[in-house]
Amino acid sequence: MKLVFIYGKPATGKLTVARELAALTGYKLFHNHQTVDLLLSVFEFGSPPFVELREQIWLSVFEQAAKARLNGLIFTFAPETTVRKTFVDRAIDIVAGAGSRVHFVELTCPMKEVYRRIDNKSRRNTGKLTSHEEYERLEAAGVFNTAHMPKADLTVDTAKLKPAEAAQQIAKGLSLPRVTA
């Protein structure tokens, strides 16, 4: 199994590109907000039980997907300060322990484009961050710092590409299979 670990700051197009990549490759898509939304129904964001359970769910899905020998799994991730620094290393270890590999893909986008996208209807419909002011506050506080992430196998600027083109670039760059119609 290949785990395609797509990460980036808010509004860089992680879920949109991941959906295109899943359609292109036939890989399953496990996006960050599936777990976050589940846990927010019970716990405050960033609370100890929220952080613990979020990580347990993410890692359990990776482990079971690798054990099930899925061809591939796409995971979207927004690095932020409530995620424990050990999470990424644990994910790599779990996937590698099952004989699989993690491929890191960083999506980037100039701030001007982030601000254009941040209050997009699709973001509002999924409960994502949509406030320019809140984004600026969190960014200034270092909440979205990606310095602790492993070096990306591939970096894609989503301001320059349509989502389907970004997915094509990722599939080509990582030598991922294509679904035949």
Protein backbone atom coordinates (compact mmCIF):
# COMPACT_ATOMS: atom_id res chain seq x y z
CA MET A 1 0.00 0.00 0.00
CA LYS A 2 1.11 3.51 -0.75
CA LEU A 3 -0.02 6.18 1.69
CA VAL A 4 -0.18 9.53 -0.09
CA PHE A 5 0.04 12.02 2.77
CA ILE A 6 -1.15 15.36 1.38
CA TYR A 7 -0.48 18.28 3.68
CA GLY A 8 -0.55 22.05 3.58
CA LYS A 9 -2.00 25.14 5.16
CA PRO A 10 -5.74 25.85 5.07
CA ALA A 11 -7.23 26.68 1.65
CA THR A 12 -4.37 25.20 -0.35
CA GLY A 13 -6.78 22.69 -1.90
CA LYS A 14 -5.95 19.50 -0.03
CA LEU A 15 -9.40 17.91 -0.12
CA THR A 16 -10.25 19.14 -3.61
CA VAL A 17 -7.00 17.79 -5.06
CA ALA A 18 -7.28 14.58 -3.02
CA ARG A 19 -10.72 13.90 -4.45
CA GLU A 20 -9.33 14.28 -7.98
CA LEU A 21 -6.37 12.04 -7.11
CA ALA A 22 -8.68 9.37 -5.67
CA ALA A 23 -10.78 9.40 -8.86
CA LEU A 24 -7.63 9.21 -10.98
CA THR A 25 -5.93 6.39 -9.07
CA GLY A 26 -8.75 4.45 -7.45
CA TYR A 27 -7.07 4.97 -4.07
CA LYS A 28 -9.32 5.39 -1.04
CA LEU A 29 -9.59 8.89 0.44
CA PHE A 30 -9.39 9.45 4.19
CA HIS A 31 -9.55 13.15 4.85
CA ASN A 32 -8.68 14.90 8.05
CA HIS A 33 -12.13 16.39 8.65
CA GLN A 34 -13.83 12.99 8.75
CA THR A 35 -12.13 12.38 12.08
CA VAL A 36 -12.19 15.99 13.27
CA ASP A 37 -15.93 16.35 12.64
CA LEU A 38 -16.66 13.06 14.40
CA LEU A 39 -14.77 14.11 17.51
CA LEU A 40 -16.10 17.68 17.57
CA SER A 41 -19.55 16.21 18.16
CA VAL A 42 -18.31 15.19 21.62
CA PHE A 43 -15.08 17.04 22.51
CA GLU A 44 -13.66 20.55 22.23
CA PHE A 45 -11.06 21.00 19.49
CA GLY A 46 -7.60 20.56 20.98
CA SER A 47 -8.79 19.10 24.28
CA PRO A 48 -6.78 16.11 25.58
CA PRO A 49 -9.44 13.51 24.64
CA PHE A 50 -9.88 15.11 21.21
CA VAL A 51 -6.12 15.04 20.50
CA GLU A 52 -5.71 11.47 21.79
CA LEU A 53 -8.67 10.01 19.92
CA ARG A 54 -7.93 11.89 16.68
CA GLU A 55 -4.44 10.43 16.58
CA GLN A 56 -5.64 6.94 17.54
CA ILE A 57 -8.21 6.98 14.74
CA TRP A 58 -5.78 8.28 12.13
CA LEU A 59 -3.11 5.73 13.04
CA SER A 60 -5.59 2.84 13.31
CA VAL A 61 -6.94 3.56 9.84
CA PHE A 62 -3.38 3.63 8.40
CA GLU A 63 -2.54 0.36 10.14
CA GLN A 64 -5.69 -1.45 9.06
CA ALA A 65 -5.45 -0.14 5.48
CA ALA A 66 -1.86 -1.40 5.26
CA LYS A 67 -2.80 -4.77 6.78
CA ALA A 68 -5.71 -5.04 4.33
CA ARG A 69 -3.20 -4.43 1.55
CA LEU A 70 -5.14 -1.63 -0.07
CA ASN A 71 -3.40 -0.45 -3.22
CA GLY A 72 -3.31 3.04 -1.83
CA LEU A 73 -4.73 5.46 0.65
CA ILE A 74 -4.81 9.25 0.36
CA PHE A 75 -4.77 11.21 3.61
CA THR A 76 -5.24 14.96 3.87
CA PHE A 77 -3.60 16.74 6.78
CA ALA A 78 -3.30 20.30 8.00
CA PRO A 79 -0.28 20.58 10.29
CA GLU A 80 -1.19 22.61 13.34
CA THR A 81 -0.13 22.90 16.95
CA THR A 82 -2.70 20.54 18.51
CA VAL A 83 -1.18 17.60 16.59
CA ARG A 84 1.54 15.93 18.64
CA LYS A 85 5.02 16.11 17.18
CA THR A 86 5.28 12.29 17.30
CA PHE A 87 2.25 11.72 15.05
CA VAL A 88 4.02 11.82 11.68
CA ASP A 89 6.87 9.55 12.83
CA ARG A 90 4.36 7.09 14.27
CA ALA A 91 2.43 7.12 10.99
CA ILE A 92 5.63 6.38 9.04
CA ASP A 93 6.54 3.56 11.44
CA ILE A 94 3.11 1.94 11.28
CA VAL A 95 2.94 2.03 7.50
CA ALA A 96 6.57 0.89 7.10
CA GLY A 97 5.99 -1.90 9.64
CA ALA A 98 3.33 -3.29 7.31
CA GLY A 99 5.77 -3.21 4.38
CA SER A 100 4.27 -0.06 2.90
CA ARG A 101 5.51 3.47 2.24
CA VAL A 102 4.38 7.02 2.97
CA HIS A 103 4.72 9.60 0.18
CA PHE A 104 4.54 13.20 1.40
CA VAL A 105 2.99 15.79 -0.89
CA GLU A 106 2.91 19.42 0.18
CA LEU A 107 0.35 21.72 -1.39
CA THR A 108 1.27 25.39 -1.39
CA CYS A 109 -0.43 28.53 -2.53
CA PRO A 110 0.39 32.25 -2.31
CA MET A 111 -1.38 34.08 0.53
CA LYS A 112 -3.32 36.23 -1.94
CA GLU A 113 -4.93 33.04 -3.31
CA VAL A 114 -5.49 31.60 0.19
CA TYR A 115 -7.42 34.75 1.12
CA ARG A 116 -9.45 34.51 -2.07
CA ARG A 117 -10.37 30.89 -1.27
CA ILE A 118 -10.75 31.01 2.52
CA ASP A 119 -14.45 31.87 2.62
CA ASN A 120 -15.40 29.78 -0.40
CA LYS A 121 -18.85 28.16 -0.19
CA SER A 122 -17.36 24.65 -0.29
CA ARG A 123 -15.28 25.48 2.80
CA ARG A 124 -18.32 26.89 4.61
CA ASN A 125 -20.32 23.75 3.80
CA THR A 126 -17.69 21.51 5.39
CA GLY A 127 -17.11 23.45 8.61
CA LYS A 128 -13.59 24.54 7.70
CA LEU A 129 -11.85 27.76 8.68
CA THR A 130 -13.47 30.55 6.65
CA SER A 131 -12.48 33.77 8.42
CA HIS A 132 -9.66 35.95 7.08
CA GLU A 133 -9.19 37.45 10.55
CA GLU A 134 -9.03 34.07 12.27
CA TYR A 135 -6.61 32.75 9.64
CA GLU A 136 -4.33 35.78 10.15
CA ARG A 137 -4.48 35.37 13.94
CA LEU A 138 -3.64 31.66 13.77
CA GLU A 139 -0.92 32.19 11.16
CA ALA A 140 0.72 34.93 13.27
CA ALA A 141 0.64 32.59 16.28
CA GLY A 142 2.52 29.92 14.27
CA VAL A 143 -0.37 27.46 14.39
CA PHE A 144 0.11 26.38 10.75
CA ASN A 145 3.89 25.97 10.84
CA THR A 146 4.97 23.05 8.64
CA ALA A 147 8.68 23.12 9.58
CA HIS A 148 8.36 19.87 11.56
CA MET A 149 7.02 17.96 8.56
CA PRO A 150 9.34 15.61 6.66
CA LYS A 151 10.72 16.87 3.39
CA ALA A 152 8.00 16.46 0.79
CA ASP A 153 8.51 13.96 -2.00
CA LEU A 154 6.62 16.45 -4.14
CA THR A 155 5.49 20.07 -3.71
CA VAL A 156 2.62 21.41 -5.80
CA ASP A 157 1.57 25.06 -6.06
CA THR A 158 -2.19 24.82 -6.43
CA ALA A 159 -2.59 28.45 -7.52
CA LYS A 160 -1.00 27.55 -10.84
CA LEU A 161 -2.99 24.39 -11.56
CA LYS A 162 -6.58 23.25 -11.68
CA PRO A 163 -7.31 20.47 -9.14
CA ALA A 164 -7.32 17.75 -11.85
CA GLU A 165 -3.96 19.03 -13.14
CA ALA A 166 -2.51 19.00 -9.63
CA ALA A 167 -3.74 15.41 -9.20
CA GLN A 168 -2.14 14.45 -12.54
CA GLN A 169 1.13 16.02 -11.41
CA ILE A 170 1.04 14.09 -8.13
CA ALA A 171 0.19 10.80 -9.82
CA LYS A 172 3.00 11.27 -12.32
CA GLY A 173 5.51 12.49 -9.73
CA LEU A 174 4.85 9.53 -7.44
CA SER A 175 4.37 6.97 -10.25
CA LEU A 176 0.87 6.14 -9.08
CA PRO A 177 -1.39 3.87 -11.12
CA ARG A 178 -4.31 5.24 -13.12
CA VAL A 179 -7.79 3.77 -13.07
CA THR A 180 -8.84 2.64 -16.51
CA ALA A 181 -12.42 3.39 -17.48
